[in-house]
N, C-alpha and C. Protein backbone atom coordinates (compact mmCIF):
# COMPACT_ATOMS: atom_id res chain seq x y z
N UNK A 1 -26.46 4.22 -3.56
CA UNK A 1 -25.52 5.32 -3.44
C UNK A 1 -24.63 5.33 -4.67
N UNK A 2 -24.78 6.27 -5.51
CA UNK A 2 -23.87 6.44 -6.64
C UNK A 2 -24.31 5.79 -7.93
N UNK A 3 -23.92 4.53 -8.13
CA UNK A 3 -24.12 3.86 -9.41
C UNK A 3 -25.55 3.44 -9.70
N UNK A 4 -25.72 2.87 -10.88
CA UNK A 4 -27.04 2.43 -11.32
C UNK A 4 -27.24 0.92 -11.22
N UNK A 5 -26.15 0.19 -11.01
CA UNK A 5 -26.23 -1.26 -10.92
C UNK A 5 -26.85 -1.64 -9.58
N UNK A 6 -27.87 -2.49 -9.59
CA UNK A 6 -28.47 -2.88 -8.31
C UNK A 6 -27.48 -3.71 -7.48
N UNK A 7 -27.53 -3.53 -6.17
CA UNK A 7 -26.66 -4.29 -5.28
C UNK A 7 -27.36 -5.60 -4.94
N UNK A 8 -26.75 -6.69 -5.34
CA UNK A 8 -27.31 -8.02 -5.10
C UNK A 8 -26.47 -8.74 -4.06
N UNK A 9 -27.10 -9.64 -3.35
CA UNK A 9 -26.37 -10.46 -2.38
C UNK A 9 -25.57 -11.52 -3.15
N UNK A 10 -24.63 -12.13 -2.45
CA UNK A 10 -23.84 -13.20 -3.07
C UNK A 10 -24.77 -14.34 -3.51
N UNK A 11 -25.79 -14.63 -2.71
CA UNK A 11 -26.74 -15.69 -3.05
C UNK A 11 -27.48 -15.34 -4.34
N UNK A 12 -27.92 -14.09 -4.47
CA UNK A 12 -28.62 -13.67 -5.68
C UNK A 12 -27.72 -13.74 -6.90
N UNK A 13 -26.47 -13.36 -6.74
CA UNK A 13 -25.53 -13.45 -7.86
C UNK A 13 -25.32 -14.91 -8.27
N UNK A 14 -25.21 -15.81 -7.29
CA UNK A 14 -25.05 -17.24 -7.59
C UNK A 14 -26.27 -17.77 -8.33
N UNK A 15 -27.45 -17.34 -7.90
CA UNK A 15 -28.68 -17.78 -8.57
C UNK A 15 -28.74 -17.30 -10.02
N UNK A 16 -28.06 -16.20 -10.32
CA UNK A 16 -28.01 -15.69 -11.69
C UNK A 16 -26.90 -16.35 -12.51
N UNK A 17 -26.13 -17.24 -11.85
CA UNK A 17 -25.09 -17.99 -12.56
C UNK A 17 -23.68 -17.47 -12.36
N UNK A 18 -23.51 -16.43 -11.54
CA UNK A 18 -22.17 -15.92 -11.29
C UNK A 18 -21.49 -16.78 -10.24
N UNK A 19 -20.19 -17.02 -10.42
CA UNK A 19 -19.44 -17.76 -9.40
C UNK A 19 -18.29 -16.93 -8.84
N UNK A 20 -18.26 -15.65 -9.20
CA UNK A 20 -17.25 -14.72 -8.67
C UNK A 20 -17.81 -13.31 -8.72
N UNK A 21 -17.39 -12.49 -7.79
CA UNK A 21 -17.79 -11.08 -7.76
C UNK A 21 -16.58 -10.26 -7.35
N UNK A 22 -16.30 -9.19 -8.06
CA UNK A 22 -15.19 -8.32 -7.74
C UNK A 22 -15.75 -7.12 -6.97
N UNK A 23 -15.33 -7.00 -5.73
CA UNK A 23 -15.87 -5.96 -4.86
C UNK A 23 -14.81 -4.94 -4.45
N UNK A 24 -13.75 -4.86 -5.19
CA UNK A 24 -12.63 -3.99 -4.84
C UNK A 24 -12.98 -2.52 -4.71
N UNK A 25 -13.85 -2.02 -5.57
CA UNK A 25 -14.19 -0.60 -5.50
C UNK A 25 -14.95 -0.29 -4.22
N UNK A 26 -15.77 -1.20 -3.77
CA UNK A 26 -16.52 -0.98 -2.53
C UNK A 26 -15.57 -0.79 -1.35
N UNK A 27 -14.58 -1.65 -1.24
CA UNK A 27 -13.63 -1.52 -0.13
C UNK A 27 -12.80 -0.24 -0.28
N UNK A 28 -12.44 0.11 -1.50
CA UNK A 28 -11.66 1.33 -1.73
C UNK A 28 -12.45 2.58 -1.34
N UNK A 29 -13.74 2.61 -1.64
CA UNK A 29 -14.57 3.77 -1.29
C UNK A 29 -14.70 3.89 0.23
N UNK A 30 -14.82 2.76 0.94
CA UNK A 30 -14.86 2.81 2.40
C UNK A 30 -13.54 3.33 2.97
N UNK A 31 -12.44 2.83 2.42
CA UNK A 31 -11.13 3.27 2.89
C UNK A 31 -10.93 4.76 2.63
N UNK A 32 -11.32 5.23 1.45
CA UNK A 32 -11.17 6.65 1.12
C UNK A 32 -11.97 7.53 2.06
N UNK A 33 -13.15 7.10 2.43
CA UNK A 33 -13.99 7.88 3.36
C UNK A 33 -13.31 7.95 4.73
N UNK A 34 -12.74 6.84 5.19
CA UNK A 34 -12.05 6.82 6.47
C UNK A 34 -10.81 7.71 6.43
N UNK A 35 -10.05 7.65 5.35
CA UNK A 35 -8.86 8.48 5.21
C UNK A 35 -9.25 9.96 5.21
N UNK A 36 -10.31 10.29 4.47
CA UNK A 36 -10.77 11.68 4.43
C UNK A 36 -11.15 12.17 5.83
N UNK A 37 -11.88 11.35 6.59
CA UNK A 37 -12.29 11.74 7.94
C UNK A 37 -11.09 12.00 8.84
N UNK A 38 -10.08 11.14 8.76
CA UNK A 38 -8.89 11.30 9.58
C UNK A 38 -8.11 12.55 9.16
N UNK A 39 -7.98 12.77 7.86
CA UNK A 39 -7.25 13.95 7.39
C UNK A 39 -7.94 15.24 7.80
N UNK A 40 -9.27 15.27 7.70
CA UNK A 40 -10.01 16.45 8.14
C UNK A 40 -9.85 16.68 9.64
N UNK A 41 -9.84 15.59 10.41
CA UNK A 41 -9.63 15.70 11.84
C UNK A 41 -8.23 16.24 12.15
N UNK A 42 -7.23 15.75 11.44
CA UNK A 42 -5.87 16.25 11.64
C UNK A 42 -5.77 17.73 11.28
N UNK A 43 -6.39 18.08 10.14
CA UNK A 43 -6.36 19.47 9.68
C UNK A 43 -7.00 20.40 10.71
N UNK A 44 -8.03 19.92 11.39
CA UNK A 44 -8.71 20.73 12.39
C UNK A 44 -7.85 20.94 13.64
N UNK A 45 -6.85 20.07 13.82
CA UNK A 45 -5.99 20.16 14.99
C UNK A 45 -6.53 19.44 16.21
N UNK A 46 -7.69 18.83 16.09
CA UNK A 46 -8.31 18.14 17.23
C UNK A 46 -7.70 16.77 17.50
N UNK A 47 -7.41 16.04 16.46
CA UNK A 47 -6.88 14.67 16.56
C UNK A 47 -7.81 13.78 17.39
N UNK A 48 -9.11 14.01 17.27
CA UNK A 48 -10.10 13.25 18.01
C UNK A 48 -10.19 11.80 17.53
N UNK A 49 -9.75 11.55 16.32
CA UNK A 49 -9.85 10.19 15.76
C UNK A 49 -8.55 9.40 15.91
N UNK A 50 -7.60 9.96 16.63
CA UNK A 50 -6.27 9.35 16.74
C UNK A 50 -6.33 7.88 17.12
N UNK A 51 -7.22 7.49 18.01
CA UNK A 51 -7.26 6.11 18.48
C UNK A 51 -8.37 5.28 17.82
N UNK A 52 -8.96 5.79 16.74
CA UNK A 52 -10.02 5.05 16.05
C UNK A 52 -9.47 3.92 15.18
N UNK A 53 -8.26 4.06 14.72
CA UNK A 53 -7.68 3.07 13.82
C UNK A 53 -7.06 1.91 14.57
N UNK A 54 -6.49 1.00 13.82
CA UNK A 54 -5.82 -0.15 14.44
C UNK A 54 -4.45 0.28 14.93
N UNK A 55 -3.92 -0.42 15.92
CA UNK A 55 -2.58 -0.12 16.38
C UNK A 55 -1.56 -0.80 15.45
N UNK A 56 -0.29 -0.49 15.67
CA UNK A 56 0.74 -0.95 14.75
C UNK A 56 0.84 -2.47 14.71
N UNK A 57 0.67 -3.13 15.86
CA UNK A 57 0.74 -4.59 15.88
C UNK A 57 -0.40 -5.21 15.06
N UNK A 58 -1.60 -4.65 15.17
CA UNK A 58 -2.73 -5.13 14.36
C UNK A 58 -2.43 -4.92 12.88
N UNK A 59 -1.90 -3.74 12.55
CA UNK A 59 -1.58 -3.42 11.16
C UNK A 59 -0.58 -4.43 10.59
N UNK A 60 0.47 -4.72 11.37
CA UNK A 60 1.48 -5.68 10.90
C UNK A 60 0.85 -7.04 10.63
N UNK A 61 -0.11 -7.44 11.46
CA UNK A 61 -0.77 -8.73 11.27
C UNK A 61 -1.60 -8.72 9.98
N UNK A 62 -2.34 -7.64 9.76
CA UNK A 62 -3.21 -7.54 8.58
C UNK A 62 -2.41 -7.58 7.27
N UNK A 63 -1.27 -6.88 7.25
CA UNK A 63 -0.49 -6.82 6.01
C UNK A 63 0.54 -7.94 5.89
N UNK A 64 0.60 -8.84 6.87
CA UNK A 64 1.55 -9.95 6.79
C UNK A 64 2.99 -9.50 6.94
N UNK A 65 3.22 -8.55 7.83
CA UNK A 65 4.54 -7.95 8.00
C UNK A 65 5.63 -8.98 8.25
N UNK A 66 5.37 -9.93 9.15
CA UNK A 66 6.40 -10.93 9.48
C UNK A 66 6.83 -11.72 8.26
N UNK A 67 5.86 -12.07 7.40
CA UNK A 67 6.18 -12.80 6.17
C UNK A 67 7.08 -11.96 5.27
N UNK A 68 6.70 -10.69 5.08
CA UNK A 68 7.49 -9.83 4.19
C UNK A 68 8.85 -9.53 4.79
N UNK A 69 8.94 -9.39 6.10
CA UNK A 69 10.22 -9.14 6.74
C UNK A 69 11.16 -10.34 6.55
N UNK A 70 10.61 -11.55 6.63
CA UNK A 70 11.46 -12.73 6.45
C UNK A 70 11.94 -12.84 5.01
N UNK A 71 11.09 -12.46 4.06
CA UNK A 71 11.51 -12.46 2.65
C UNK A 71 12.60 -11.43 2.43
N UNK A 72 12.43 -10.25 3.02
CA UNK A 72 13.44 -9.20 2.89
C UNK A 72 14.76 -9.65 3.52
N UNK A 73 14.68 -10.34 4.66
CA UNK A 73 15.89 -10.82 5.33
C UNK A 73 16.63 -11.82 4.46
N UNK A 74 15.87 -12.69 3.77
CA UNK A 74 16.51 -13.72 2.95
C UNK A 74 17.02 -13.20 1.62
N UNK A 75 16.25 -12.31 0.98
CA UNK A 75 16.56 -11.92 -0.39
C UNK A 75 16.90 -10.46 -0.59
N UNK A 76 16.75 -9.64 0.45
CA UNK A 76 17.00 -8.21 0.32
C UNK A 76 18.49 -7.90 0.22
N UNK A 77 18.76 -6.68 -0.17
CA UNK A 77 20.15 -6.23 -0.31
C UNK A 77 20.80 -6.14 1.07
N UNK A 78 22.09 -6.36 1.10
CA UNK A 78 22.86 -6.22 2.35
C UNK A 78 22.84 -4.76 2.75
N UNK A 79 22.76 -4.53 4.06
CA UNK A 79 22.75 -3.15 4.57
C UNK A 79 24.03 -2.83 5.24
């Protein structure tokens, strides 16, 4: 799909002598496709995908919210 570079497994890359692989674009393309699907659903007014994503508690866990909140509490500006 798309590029000309063959998709190799991690094992195949290791056999070729690579010890690292940057896969950031692959994850970004998946995320962009999901965002597009949700936006199109919202635009349609159906909101059929509303519950397809993670809930807020899952999101906080994935992004390390508690860690960042504690850093903000210790070092953030007074409110």
